[in-house]
Amino acid sequence: MTREKITDGANERAVDENIAGTAAGIPDDALLPGQDLPEQPSDEEVARTAKKLDAPVPEAEG
């Protein structure tokens, strides 16, 4: 089932795209062209920071 287009203006987006900040992760348009995402922290860094904040230490994936 396809939907009929209701606009062809500058703000047109695909019907199946998330709007604003409702999707998980970093939005596609958050970075300038040529920029890369920053490196994710290691499990050790996450655990160390959680302990400093008296937060639960997440279990390692794997």
Protein backbone atom coordinates (compact mmCIF):
# COMPACT_ATOMS: atom_id res chain seq x y z
CA MET A 1 0.00 0.00 0.00
CA THR A 2 1.51 3.29 -1.03
CA ARG A 3 0.40 6.64 0.20
CA GLU A 4 -0.37 9.51 -2.09
CA LYS A 5 1.98 12.46 -1.68
CA ILE A 6 0.38 15.36 0.16
CA THR A 7 3.19 17.87 -0.31
CA ASP A 8 6.09 18.61 -2.58
CA GLY A 9 7.50 21.48 -0.54
CA ALA A 10 10.98 22.05 0.87
CA ASN A 11 10.15 20.18 4.10
CA GLU A 12 9.02 17.03 2.33
CA ARG A 13 10.21 13.80 3.97
CA ALA A 14 9.50 10.19 3.33
CA VAL A 15 6.49 8.83 5.20
CA ASP A 16 8.59 6.13 6.89
CA GLU A 17 11.25 8.52 8.29
CA ASN A 18 11.29 9.47 11.96
CA ILE A 19 10.69 13.08 12.84
CA ALA A 20 12.76 15.35 15.07
CA GLY A 21 14.55 13.45 17.84
CA THR A 22 12.19 10.51 18.09
CA ALA A 23 14.51 7.89 16.59
CA ALA A 24 17.34 6.11 18.34
CA GLY A 25 20.92 7.07 17.61
CA ILE A 26 22.34 10.18 16.00
CA PRO A 27 20.24 11.83 13.27
CA ASP A 28 21.56 11.56 9.73
CA ASP A 29 21.85 15.33 9.44
CA ALA A 30 23.68 15.86 12.75
CA LEU A 31 27.14 15.87 11.15
CA LEU A 32 28.60 18.10 8.48
CA PRO A 33 29.74 16.45 5.27
CA GLY A 34 33.11 14.77 5.79
CA GLN A 35 32.72 14.47 9.57
CA ASP A 36 32.80 11.10 11.31
CA LEU A 37 31.06 9.98 14.47
CA PRO A 38 33.24 10.15 17.59
CA GLU A 39 34.72 6.90 18.86
CA GLN A 40 32.53 5.11 21.38
CA PRO A 41 33.90 4.74 24.93
CA SER A 42 35.35 1.38 25.89
CA ASP A 43 33.57 -0.88 28.37
CA GLU A 44 36.24 -0.02 30.94
CA GLU A 45 35.59 3.72 30.54
CA VAL A 46 31.84 3.19 30.89
CA ALA A 47 32.31 1.09 34.05
CA ARG A 48 34.75 3.58 35.57
CA THR A 49 32.40 6.51 34.93
CA ALA A 50 29.39 4.59 36.27
CA LYS A 51 31.26 3.86 39.50
CA LYS A 52 32.18 7.56 39.89
CA LEU A 53 28.51 8.47 39.49
CA ASP A 54 27.32 5.71 41.87
CA ALA A 55 25.32 4.30 38.95
CA PRO A 56 24.82 0.63 38.14
CA VAL A 57 27.73 -0.76 36.14
CA PRO A 58 26.43 -2.17 32.85
CA GLU A 59 27.33 -5.76 32.04
CA ALA A 60 29.78 -6.26 29.20
CA GLU A 61 28.27 -7.36 25.89
CA GLY A 62 29.37 -10.53 24.28
